[in-house]
Amino acid sequence: MEANNMTTQGFDVPRGRDRAEVSPCERTAPPRHWRSEPVALEVLAEAAGVQPMAKPLLDELSGFYMKSPESIYIVVNSKHSSSRRRFTVAHELAHAAHRIADNRPELCTNAFTFCQRNKSVEDICDKVAAEILMPADPVLLEVMQAGKTDSYALARQFDVSLTAMRARLRGLGLL
């Protein structure tokens, strides 16, 4: 925390200002050490004991994960864009982390529409993937620093698709 701020009720209040004068955006501002560069999914996957790999799949198939007694594998469609593969890995990590599926693969045809299993489970995994790739605090920080919501710039900065970033911004109430 910088010397010109003091902490009051869980958020930084600039010295010389009353708590009531601090805007909701300032109250929810993340610490200055938050970084907004793309998340290293390889590090997360390795820490979780998951082995991601890209293979050519049917165009409509984004990816799936499988558990075996020895390991967990995530397979993503190598024909999809880098940003889509990243979202698919994060989505499938959510499945793996929550142990939602059995030993059968999950076949996700589109990260934002429908999967063969339970749609509510897929929605949860999409939300987890969005939080992994586009954490709320760094996204809010970038929007506050820019003074505007630039979906294109944010999508490039977080290495996600424009569709994913717009969905995240809508979910955060910024669009």
N, C-alpha and C. Protein backbone atom coordinates (compact mmCIF):
# COMPACT_ATOMS: atom_id res chain seq x y z
N MET A 1 0.85 -1.18 0.00
CA MET A 1 0.00 0.00 0.00
C MET A 1 0.89 1.24 0.00
N GLU A 2 0.50 2.24 -0.74
CA GLU A 2 1.29 3.46 -0.83
C GLU A 2 1.11 4.29 0.44
N ALA A 3 2.10 5.13 0.70
CA ALA A 3 2.09 5.92 1.92
C ALA A 3 0.96 6.94 1.98
N ASN A 4 0.45 7.36 0.83
CA ASN A 4 -0.60 8.39 0.84
C ASN A 4 -2.00 7.80 0.98
N ASN A 5 -2.11 6.53 1.23
CA ASN A 5 -3.40 5.89 1.42
C ASN A 5 -3.49 5.29 2.81
N MET A 6 -4.69 5.13 3.29
CA MET A 6 -4.89 4.39 4.53
C MET A 6 -6.02 3.40 4.28
N THR A 7 -5.96 2.27 4.96
CA THR A 7 -6.99 1.25 4.76
C THR A 7 -8.13 1.49 5.74
N THR A 8 -9.34 1.53 5.19
CA THR A 8 -10.53 1.71 6.00
C THR A 8 -11.60 0.75 5.51
N GLN A 9 -12.06 -0.11 6.38
CA GLN A 9 -13.15 -1.02 6.06
C GLN A 9 -12.88 -1.83 4.80
N GLY A 10 -11.66 -2.34 4.64
CA GLY A 10 -11.36 -3.26 3.56
C GLY A 10 -10.96 -2.65 2.23
N PHE A 11 -10.86 -1.34 2.13
CA PHE A 11 -10.40 -0.77 0.88
C PHE A 11 -9.58 0.47 1.15
N ASP A 12 -8.75 0.83 0.19
CA ASP A 12 -7.86 1.98 0.35
C ASP A 12 -8.65 3.28 0.22
N VAL A 13 -8.41 4.20 1.14
CA VAL A 13 -9.02 5.53 1.09
C VAL A 13 -7.87 6.52 0.95
N PRO A 14 -7.84 7.29 -0.16
CA PRO A 14 -6.77 8.27 -0.30
C PRO A 14 -6.75 9.24 0.87
N ARG A 15 -5.55 9.54 1.36
CA ARG A 15 -5.39 10.44 2.50
C ARG A 15 -6.08 11.77 2.20
N GLY A 16 -6.79 12.27 3.19
CA GLY A 16 -7.47 13.55 3.04
C GLY A 16 -8.89 13.42 2.49
N ARG A 17 -9.34 12.21 2.17
CA ARG A 17 -10.70 12.01 1.66
C ARG A 17 -11.51 11.20 2.65
N ASP A 18 -12.77 11.50 2.72
CA ASP A 18 -13.69 10.78 3.58
C ASP A 18 -14.12 9.49 2.89
N ARG A 19 -14.36 8.45 3.67
CA ARG A 19 -14.78 7.16 3.11
C ARG A 19 -15.99 7.30 2.20
N ALA A 20 -16.95 8.15 2.56
CA ALA A 20 -18.18 8.34 1.78
C ALA A 20 -17.89 8.95 0.41
N GLU A 21 -16.77 9.66 0.26
CA GLU A 21 -16.43 10.30 -1.00
C GLU A 21 -15.81 9.34 -2.02
N VAL A 22 -15.41 8.16 -1.55
CA VAL A 22 -14.72 7.22 -2.42
C VAL A 22 -15.76 6.48 -3.26
N SER A 23 -15.57 6.50 -4.58
CA SER A 23 -16.53 5.88 -5.49
C SER A 23 -16.51 4.36 -5.36
N PRO A 24 -17.60 3.69 -5.79
CA PRO A 24 -17.62 2.22 -5.77
C PRO A 24 -16.47 1.61 -6.56
N CYS A 25 -16.10 2.24 -7.70
CA CYS A 25 -14.97 1.72 -8.48
C CYS A 25 -13.68 1.79 -7.67
N GLU A 26 -13.47 2.89 -6.97
CA GLU A 26 -12.26 3.01 -6.17
C GLU A 26 -12.28 2.01 -5.01
N ARG A 27 -13.47 1.75 -4.45
CA ARG A 27 -13.57 0.79 -3.35
C ARG A 27 -13.22 -0.61 -3.78
N THR A 28 -13.55 -0.95 -5.01
CA THR A 28 -13.30 -2.30 -5.48
C THR A 28 -12.00 -2.41 -6.25
N ALA A 29 -11.25 -1.33 -6.32
CA ALA A 29 -9.99 -1.36 -7.06
C ALA A 29 -9.04 -2.39 -6.46
N PRO A 30 -8.43 -3.20 -7.30
CA PRO A 30 -7.49 -4.21 -6.81
C PRO A 30 -6.19 -3.56 -6.36
N PRO A 31 -5.42 -4.26 -5.57
CA PRO A 31 -4.11 -3.74 -5.17
C PRO A 31 -3.26 -3.43 -6.40
N ARG A 32 -2.35 -2.51 -6.28
CA ARG A 32 -1.53 -2.09 -7.41
C ARG A 32 -0.62 -3.20 -7.94
N HIS A 33 -0.40 -4.25 -7.16
CA HIS A 33 0.49 -5.31 -7.62
C HIS A 33 -0.20 -6.30 -8.55
N TRP A 34 -1.52 -6.18 -8.74
CA TRP A 34 -2.22 -7.08 -9.67
C TRP A 34 -1.63 -6.92 -11.05
N ARG A 35 -1.47 -8.01 -11.74
CA ARG A 35 -0.96 -7.98 -13.10
C ARG A 35 -2.06 -8.40 -14.04
N SER A 36 -2.02 -7.91 -15.24
CA SER A 36 -3.07 -8.24 -16.18
C SER A 36 -2.53 -8.88 -17.45
N GLU A 37 -1.35 -9.46 -17.36
CA GLU A 37 -0.85 -10.16 -18.54
C GLU A 37 -1.53 -11.52 -18.61
N PRO A 38 -1.47 -12.17 -19.76
CA PRO A 38 -2.15 -13.46 -19.89
C PRO A 38 -1.67 -14.48 -18.85
N VAL A 39 -2.62 -15.21 -18.31
CA VAL A 39 -2.34 -16.26 -17.33
C VAL A 39 -1.58 -17.38 -18.02
N ALA A 40 -0.59 -17.93 -17.36
CA ALA A 40 0.20 -19.04 -17.89
C ALA A 40 -0.54 -20.35 -17.59
N LEU A 41 -1.36 -20.77 -18.54
CA LEU A 41 -2.17 -21.98 -18.33
C LEU A 41 -1.30 -23.23 -18.15
N GLU A 42 -0.14 -23.24 -18.79
CA GLU A 42 0.73 -24.40 -18.68
C GLU A 42 1.13 -24.62 -17.22
N VAL A 43 1.41 -23.53 -16.51
CA VAL A 43 1.81 -23.61 -15.11
C VAL A 43 0.65 -24.12 -14.27
N LEU A 44 -0.55 -23.59 -14.52
CA LEU A 44 -1.73 -24.07 -13.78
C LEU A 44 -2.00 -25.55 -14.05
N ALA A 45 -1.92 -25.93 -15.30
CA ALA A 45 -2.18 -27.33 -15.67
C ALA A 45 -1.16 -28.25 -15.00
N GLU A 46 0.10 -27.86 -15.06
CA GLU A 46 1.15 -28.68 -14.45
C GLU A 46 0.93 -28.81 -12.95
N ALA A 47 0.59 -27.70 -12.30
CA ALA A 47 0.34 -27.73 -10.85
C ALA A 47 -0.84 -28.63 -10.50
N ALA A 48 -1.81 -28.72 -11.41
CA ALA A 48 -2.99 -29.56 -11.19
C ALA A 48 -2.76 -31.01 -11.63
N GLY A 49 -1.59 -31.29 -12.18
CA GLY A 49 -1.31 -32.64 -12.66
C GLY A 49 -2.04 -32.98 -13.94
N VAL A 50 -2.33 -31.95 -14.73
CA VAL A 50 -3.08 -32.14 -15.98
C VAL A 50 -2.12 -31.98 -17.15
N GLN A 51 -2.28 -32.82 -18.14
CA GLN A 51 -1.44 -32.76 -19.34
C GLN A 51 -2.27 -32.29 -20.53
N PRO A 52 -2.17 -30.99 -20.88
CA PRO A 52 -2.90 -30.51 -22.06
C PRO A 52 -2.14 -30.84 -23.35
N MET A 53 -2.91 -31.08 -24.41
CA MET A 53 -2.31 -31.33 -25.72
C MET A 53 -3.27 -30.87 -26.79
N ALA A 54 -2.72 -30.43 -27.91
CA ALA A 54 -3.54 -29.99 -29.05
C ALA A 54 -3.47 -31.06 -30.13
N LYS A 55 -4.65 -31.44 -30.62
CA LYS A 55 -4.77 -32.44 -31.68
C LYS A 55 -5.84 -31.97 -32.65
N PRO A 56 -5.74 -32.33 -33.92
CA PRO A 56 -6.82 -31.97 -34.84
C PRO A 56 -8.07 -32.77 -34.50
N LEU A 57 -9.17 -32.05 -34.29
CA LEU A 57 -10.46 -32.66 -33.98
C LEU A 57 -11.48 -32.17 -34.99
N LEU A 58 -12.68 -32.69 -34.92
CA LEU A 58 -13.75 -32.16 -35.76
C LEU A 58 -13.89 -30.67 -35.50
N ASP A 59 -14.20 -29.89 -36.54
CA ASP A 59 -14.26 -28.44 -36.39
C ASP A 59 -15.17 -27.99 -35.26
N GLU A 60 -16.30 -28.67 -35.07
CA GLU A 60 -17.26 -28.25 -34.05
C GLU A 60 -16.89 -28.71 -32.64
N LEU A 61 -15.81 -29.45 -32.51
CA LEU A 61 -15.37 -29.96 -31.21
C LEU A 61 -14.24 -29.08 -30.66
N SER A 62 -14.49 -28.43 -29.52
CA SER A 62 -13.48 -27.56 -28.91
C SER A 62 -12.44 -28.36 -28.14
N GLY A 63 -12.89 -29.35 -27.40
CA GLY A 63 -11.96 -30.14 -26.62
C GLY A 63 -12.67 -31.01 -25.61
N PHE A 64 -11.88 -31.75 -24.85
CA PHE A 64 -12.43 -32.60 -23.80
C PHE A 64 -11.32 -32.93 -22.81
N TYR A 65 -11.74 -33.48 -21.67
CA TYR A 65 -10.75 -33.98 -20.73
C TYR A 65 -11.12 -35.39 -20.35
N MET A 66 -10.09 -36.14 -19.99
CA MET A 66 -10.29 -37.53 -19.57
C MET A 66 -9.42 -37.79 -18.35
N LYS A 67 -9.96 -38.58 -17.45
CA LYS A 67 -9.18 -39.03 -16.30
C LYS A 67 -8.80 -40.48 -16.53
N SER A 68 -7.59 -40.79 -16.17
CA SER A 68 -7.18 -42.19 -16.13
C SER A 68 -6.62 -42.39 -14.72
N PRO A 69 -6.37 -43.61 -14.32
CA PRO A 69 -5.80 -43.80 -12.98
C PRO A 69 -4.44 -43.08 -12.82
N GLU A 70 -3.73 -42.89 -13.92
CA GLU A 70 -2.40 -42.28 -13.85
C GLU A 70 -2.40 -40.77 -14.01
N SER A 71 -3.32 -40.22 -14.79
CA SER A 71 -3.23 -38.81 -15.13
C SER A 71 -4.57 -38.26 -15.59
N ILE A 72 -4.58 -36.95 -15.78
CA ILE A 72 -5.72 -36.26 -16.38
C ILE A 72 -5.19 -35.61 -17.66
N TYR A 73 -5.93 -35.79 -18.74
CA TYR A 73 -5.53 -35.25 -20.03
C TYR A 73 -6.58 -34.26 -20.51
N ILE A 74 -6.13 -33.17 -21.08
CA ILE A 74 -7.01 -32.22 -21.76
C ILE A 74 -6.56 -32.18 -23.21
N VAL A 75 -7.49 -32.43 -24.10
CA VAL A 75 -7.20 -32.38 -25.53
C VAL A 75 -8.01 -31.23 -26.11
N VAL A 76 -7.31 -30.33 -26.81
CA VAL A 76 -7.99 -29.19 -27.45
C VAL A 76 -7.78 -29.29 -28.95
N ASN A 77 -8.68 -28.66 -29.68
CA ASN A 77 -8.66 -28.71 -31.13
C ASN A 77 -7.54 -27.82 -31.68
N SER A 78 -6.54 -28.44 -32.28
CA SER A 78 -5.40 -27.69 -32.81
C SER A 78 -5.79 -26.80 -33.98
N LYS A 79 -6.97 -27.03 -34.57
CA LYS A 79 -7.42 -26.20 -35.70
C LYS A 79 -8.05 -24.89 -35.23
N HIS A 80 -8.33 -24.76 -33.94
CA HIS A 80 -8.94 -23.54 -33.41
C HIS A 80 -7.86 -22.51 -33.10
N SER A 81 -8.29 -21.26 -32.99
CA SER A 81 -7.36 -20.17 -32.70
C SER A 81 -6.72 -20.37 -31.32
N SER A 82 -5.60 -19.72 -31.13
CA SER A 82 -4.88 -19.80 -29.86
C SER A 82 -5.77 -19.35 -28.69
N SER A 83 -6.50 -18.25 -28.88
CA SER A 83 -7.35 -17.75 -27.79
C SER A 83 -8.48 -18.73 -27.48
N ARG A 84 -9.02 -19.37 -28.49
CA ARG A 84 -10.08 -20.35 -28.23
C ARG A 84 -9.52 -21.59 -27.53
N ARG A 85 -8.34 -22.02 -27.93
CA ARG A 85 -7.71 -23.17 -27.25
C ARG A 85 -7.45 -22.84 -25.79
N ARG A 86 -7.00 -21.61 -25.52
CA ARG A 86 -6.76 -21.21 -24.12
C ARG A 86 -8.05 -21.28 -23.32
N PHE A 87 -9.15 -20.78 -23.88
CA PHE A 87 -10.41 -20.83 -23.15
C PHE A 87 -10.82 -22.28 -22.91
N THR A 88 -10.64 -23.12 -23.92
CA THR A 88 -11.02 -24.53 -23.79
C THR A 88 -10.19 -25.21 -22.70
N VAL A 89 -8.89 -24.94 -22.66
CA VAL A 89 -8.06 -25.53 -21.60
C VAL A 89 -8.56 -25.09 -20.23
N ALA A 90 -8.83 -23.79 -20.07
CA ALA A 90 -9.31 -23.28 -18.78
C ALA A 90 -10.67 -23.90 -18.43
N HIS A 91 -11.55 -24.03 -19.40
CA HIS A 91 -12.87 -24.63 -19.20
C HIS A 91 -12.71 -26.09 -18.75
N GLU A 92 -11.86 -26.82 -19.43
CA GLU A 92 -11.66 -28.23 -19.08
C GLU A 92 -10.92 -28.38 -17.75
N LEU A 93 -10.05 -27.44 -17.41
CA LEU A 93 -9.44 -27.45 -16.08
C LEU A 93 -10.50 -27.32 -15.00
N ALA A 94 -11.53 -26.52 -15.28
CA ALA A 94 -12.63 -26.38 -14.32
C ALA A 94 -13.33 -27.72 -14.12
N HIS A 95 -13.56 -28.44 -15.22
CA HIS A 95 -14.15 -29.78 -15.09
C HIS A 95 -13.25 -30.67 -14.23
N ALA A 96 -11.96 -30.66 -14.54
CA ALA A 96 -11.03 -31.52 -13.82
C ALA A 96 -10.96 -31.14 -12.34
N ALA A 97 -10.90 -29.85 -12.06
CA ALA A 97 -10.79 -29.38 -10.68
C ALA A 97 -12.01 -29.74 -9.85
N HIS A 98 -13.15 -29.71 -10.44
CA HIS A 98 -14.38 -29.99 -9.71
C HIS A 98 -14.81 -31.45 -9.82
N ARG A 99 -14.03 -32.23 -10.53
CA ARG A 99 -14.32 -33.66 -10.68
C ARG A 99 -15.77 -33.89 -11.09
N ILE A 100 -16.20 -33.10 -12.08
CA ILE A 100 -17.59 -33.15 -12.52
C ILE A 100 -17.86 -34.40 -13.34
N ALA A 101 -16.93 -34.78 -14.19
CA ALA A 101 -17.17 -35.92 -15.08
C ALA A 101 -16.58 -37.19 -14.51
N ASP A 102 -17.04 -38.30 -15.02
CA ASP A 102 -16.48 -39.60 -14.64
C ASP A 102 -15.28 -39.87 -15.53
N ASN A 103 -15.00 -41.11 -15.82
CA ASN A 103 -13.88 -41.45 -16.69
C ASN A 103 -14.23 -41.29 -18.16
N ARG A 104 -15.40 -40.81 -18.45
CA ARG A 104 -15.79 -40.57 -19.84
C ARG A 104 -15.35 -39.17 -20.25
N PRO A 105 -14.99 -38.97 -21.52
CA PRO A 105 -14.58 -37.63 -21.94
C PRO A 105 -15.79 -36.70 -22.01
N GLU A 106 -15.52 -35.43 -21.76
CA GLU A 106 -16.52 -34.39 -21.94
C GLU A 106 -16.31 -33.82 -23.33
N LEU A 107 -17.33 -33.79 -24.12
CA LEU A 107 -17.20 -33.29 -25.49
C LEU A 107 -17.82 -31.91 -25.57
N CYS A 108 -17.00 -30.88 -25.59
CA CYS A 108 -17.49 -29.51 -25.67
C CYS A 108 -17.42 -29.04 -27.11
N THR A 109 -18.58 -28.68 -27.65
CA THR A 109 -18.62 -28.25 -29.03
C THR A 109 -18.44 -26.75 -29.17
N ASN A 110 -18.73 -25.98 -28.13
CA ASN A 110 -18.54 -24.54 -28.19
C ASN A 110 -18.49 -24.02 -26.77
N ALA A 111 -17.48 -23.24 -26.45
CA ALA A 111 -17.29 -22.77 -25.08
C ALA A 111 -18.44 -21.92 -24.57
N PHE A 112 -19.19 -21.27 -25.46
CA PHE A 112 -20.24 -20.37 -24.99
C PHE A 112 -21.65 -20.84 -25.32
N THR A 113 -21.83 -22.01 -25.89
CA THR A 113 -23.20 -22.39 -26.21
C THR A 113 -23.63 -23.68 -25.54
N PHE A 114 -23.31 -24.84 -26.10
CA PHE A 114 -23.88 -26.07 -25.60
C PHE A 114 -22.87 -27.18 -25.57
N CYS A 115 -22.91 -27.99 -24.58
CA CYS A 115 -22.09 -29.19 -24.51
C CYS A 115 -23.02 -30.37 -24.31
N GLN A 116 -22.51 -31.56 -24.59
CA GLN A 116 -23.35 -32.75 -24.55
C GLN A 116 -23.87 -33.07 -23.16
N ARG A 117 -23.24 -32.55 -22.14
CA ARG A 117 -23.65 -32.91 -20.79
C ARG A 117 -24.65 -31.89 -20.26
N ASN A 118 -24.63 -31.60 -19.02
CA ASN A 118 -25.54 -30.71 -18.33
C ASN A 118 -25.16 -29.25 -18.59
N LYS A 119 -26.08 -28.47 -19.18
CA LYS A 119 -25.77 -27.08 -19.53
C LYS A 119 -25.38 -26.25 -18.31
N SER A 120 -25.99 -26.48 -17.16
CA SER A 120 -25.63 -25.68 -15.99
C SER A 120 -24.20 -25.97 -15.56
N VAL A 121 -23.74 -27.20 -15.69
CA VAL A 121 -22.35 -27.54 -15.39
C VAL A 121 -21.43 -26.81 -16.37
N GLU A 122 -21.82 -26.80 -17.62
CA GLU A 122 -21.02 -26.12 -18.64
C GLU A 122 -20.96 -24.62 -18.38
N ASP A 123 -22.07 -24.04 -17.96
CA ASP A 123 -22.09 -22.61 -17.63
C ASP A 123 -21.14 -22.31 -16.47
N ILE A 124 -21.13 -23.18 -15.47
CA ILE A 124 -20.21 -23.00 -14.34
C ILE A 124 -18.77 -23.07 -14.82
N CYS A 125 -18.47 -24.05 -15.66
CA CYS A 125 -17.10 -24.19 -16.17
C CYS A 125 -16.70 -23.00 -17.03
N ASP A 126 -17.64 -22.44 -17.79
CA ASP A 126 -17.35 -21.23 -18.56
C ASP A 126 -17.01 -20.07 -17.63
N LYS A 127 -17.76 -19.95 -16.53
CA LYS A 127 -17.51 -18.86 -15.59
C LYS A 127 -16.15 -19.03 -14.90
N VAL A 128 -15.83 -20.27 -14.54
CA VAL A 128 -14.52 -20.53 -13.94
C VAL A 128 -13.41 -20.21 -14.94
N ALA A 129 -13.59 -20.63 -16.18
CA ALA A 129 -12.59 -20.34 -17.22
C ALA A 129 -12.42 -18.83 -17.40
N ALA A 130 -13.52 -18.10 -17.39
CA ALA A 130 -13.44 -16.64 -17.52
C ALA A 130 -12.67 -16.04 -16.36
N GLU A 131 -12.90 -16.54 -15.16
CA GLU A 131 -12.19 -16.02 -13.98
C GLU A 131 -10.71 -16.38 -14.02
N ILE A 132 -10.38 -17.56 -14.55
CA ILE A 132 -8.97 -17.94 -14.68
C ILE A 132 -8.27 -17.03 -15.67
N LEU A 133 -8.86 -16.85 -16.84
CA LEU A 133 -8.21 -16.11 -17.92
C LEU A 133 -8.36 -14.60 -17.82
N MET A 134 -9.47 -14.17 -17.24
CA MET A 134 -9.77 -12.74 -17.16
C MET A 134 -10.23 -12.42 -15.74
N PRO A 135 -9.33 -12.52 -14.76
CA PRO A 135 -9.73 -12.29 -13.37
C PRO A 135 -10.38 -10.92 -13.21
N ALA A 136 -11.42 -10.87 -12.42
CA ALA A 136 -12.20 -9.64 -12.27
C ALA A 136 -11.34 -8.45 -11.87
N ASP A 137 -10.50 -8.62 -10.87
CA ASP A 137 -9.74 -7.47 -10.38
C ASP A 137 -8.81 -6.88 -11.44
N PRO A 138 -8.00 -7.68 -12.13
CA PRO A 138 -7.16 -7.07 -13.18
C PRO A 138 -7.96 -6.46 -14.33
N VAL A 139 -9.09 -7.07 -14.68
CA VAL A 139 -9.93 -6.49 -15.74
C VAL A 139 -10.45 -5.14 -15.28
N LEU A 140 -10.97 -5.08 -14.06
CA LEU A 140 -11.47 -3.81 -13.52
C LEU A 140 -10.35 -2.76 -13.47
N LEU A 141 -9.17 -3.18 -13.06
CA LEU A 141 -8.04 -2.25 -12.99
C LEU A 141 -7.72 -1.68 -14.37
N GLU A 142 -7.69 -2.54 -15.38
CA GLU A 142 -7.40 -2.07 -16.73
C GLU A 142 -8.46 -1.09 -17.22
N VAL A 143 -9.72 -1.39 -16.95
CA VAL A 143 -10.81 -0.49 -17.36
C VAL A 143 -10.70 0.85 -16.64
N MET A 144 -10.41 0.80 -15.34
CA MET A 144 -10.28 2.05 -14.57
C MET A 144 -9.09 2.87 -15.06
N GLN A 145 -7.96 2.20 -15.33
CA GLN A 145 -6.77 2.93 -15.79
C GLN A 145 -6.98 3.53 -17.17
N ALA A 146 -7.68 2.82 -18.05
CA ALA A 146 -7.93 3.33 -19.40
C ALA A 146 -9.03 4.37 -19.40
N GLY A 147 -9.90 4.34 -18.40
CA GLY A 147 -11.01 5.27 -18.36
C GLY A 147 -12.13 4.92 -19.31
N LYS A 148 -12.05 3.75 -19.92
CA LYS A 148 -13.09 3.29 -20.84
C LYS A 148 -12.99 1.78 -20.97
N THR A 149 -14.02 1.19 -21.56
CA THR A 149 -14.04 -0.24 -21.78
C THR A 149 -13.76 -0.50 -23.25
N ASP A 150 -12.55 -0.92 -23.55
CA ASP A 150 -12.14 -1.23 -24.92
C ASP A 150 -12.01 -2.74 -25.05
N SER A 151 -13.09 -3.38 -25.52
CA SER A 151 -13.14 -4.84 -25.62
C SER A 151 -12.00 -5.41 -26.45
N TYR A 152 -11.69 -4.75 -27.55
CA TYR A 152 -10.64 -5.24 -28.44
C TYR A 152 -9.28 -5.25 -27.74
N ALA A 153 -8.94 -4.13 -27.12
CA ALA A 153 -7.64 -4.02 -26.44
C ALA A 153 -7.56 -5.01 -25.28
N LEU A 154 -8.63 -5.13 -24.54
CA LEU A 154 -8.62 -6.06 -23.40
C LEU A 154 -8.50 -7.51 -23.87
N ALA A 155 -9.17 -7.87 -24.95
CA ALA A 155 -9.08 -9.23 -25.49
C ALA A 155 -7.64 -9.54 -25.89
N ARG A 156 -6.99 -8.58 -26.54
CA ARG A 156 -5.59 -8.79 -26.92
C ARG A 156 -4.69 -8.90 -25.68
N GLN A 157 -4.93 -8.03 -24.73
CA GLN A 157 -4.09 -8.00 -23.54
C GLN A 157 -4.18 -9.30 -22.73
N PHE A 158 -5.39 -9.85 -22.61
CA PHE A 158 -5.59 -11.08 -21.82
C PHE A 158 -5.49 -12.34 -22.68
N ASP A 159 -5.22 -12.17 -23.97
CA ASP A 159 -5.06 -13.29 -24.92
C ASP A 159 -6.29 -14.19 -24.93
N VAL A 160 -7.44 -13.55 -25.08
CA VAL A 160 -8.72 -14.26 -25.20
C VAL A 160 -9.44 -13.73 -26.43
N SER A 161 -10.48 -14.42 -26.83
CA SER A 161 -11.25 -13.96 -27.99
C SER A 161 -12.08 -12.74 -27.61
N LEU A 162 -12.46 -11.99 -28.62
CA LEU A 162 -13.33 -10.84 -28.40
C LEU A 162 -14.66 -11.29 -27.79
N THR A 163 -15.18 -12.41 -28.25
CA THR A 163 -16.43 -12.96 -27.71
C THR A 163 -16.30 -13.25 -26.22
N ALA A 164 -15.19 -13.88 -25.83
CA ALA A 164 -14.97 -14.21 -24.42
C ALA A 164 -14.85 -12.94 -23.58
N MET A 165 -14.10 -11.95 -24.09
CA MET A 165 -13.93 -10.72 -23.32
C MET A 165 -15.24 -9.96 -23.19
N ARG A 166 -16.01 -9.90 -24.25
CA ARG A 166 -17.30 -9.20 -24.15
C ARG A 166 -18.23 -9.90 -23.17
N ALA A 167 -18.23 -11.22 -23.17
CA ALA A 167 -19.06 -11.96 -22.21
C ALA A 167 -18.59 -11.66 -20.79
N ARG A 168 -17.28 -11.61 -20.60
CA ARG A 168 -16.74 -11.32 -19.27
C ARG A 168 -17.11 -9.91 -18.83
N LEU A 169 -16.97 -8.95 -19.72
CA LEU A 169 -17.32 -7.57 -19.39
C LEU A 169 -18.80 -7.42 -19.07
N ARG A 170 -19.65 -8.14 -19.81
CA ARG A 170 -21.10 -8.14 -19.50
C ARG A 170 -21.32 -8.74 -18.11
N GLY A 171 -20.63 -9.83 -17.83
CA GLY A 171 -20.77 -10.48 -16.53
C GLY A 171 -20.32 -9.61 -15.38
N LEU A 172 -19.37 -8.73 -15.65
CA LEU A 172 -18.88 -7.79 -14.63
C LEU A 172 -19.67 -6.48 -14.60
N GLY A 173 -20.70 -6.39 -15.46
CA GLY A 173 -21.53 -5.19 -15.51
C GLY A 173 -20.85 -4.01 -16.17
N LEU A 174 -19.84 -4.27 -17.01
CA LEU A 174 -19.10 -3.19 -17.65
C LEU A 174 -19.53 -2.94 -19.10
N LEU A 175 -20.42 -3.76 -19.63
CA LEU A 175 -20.97 -3.54 -20.98
C LEU A 175 -22.48 -3.58 -20.89
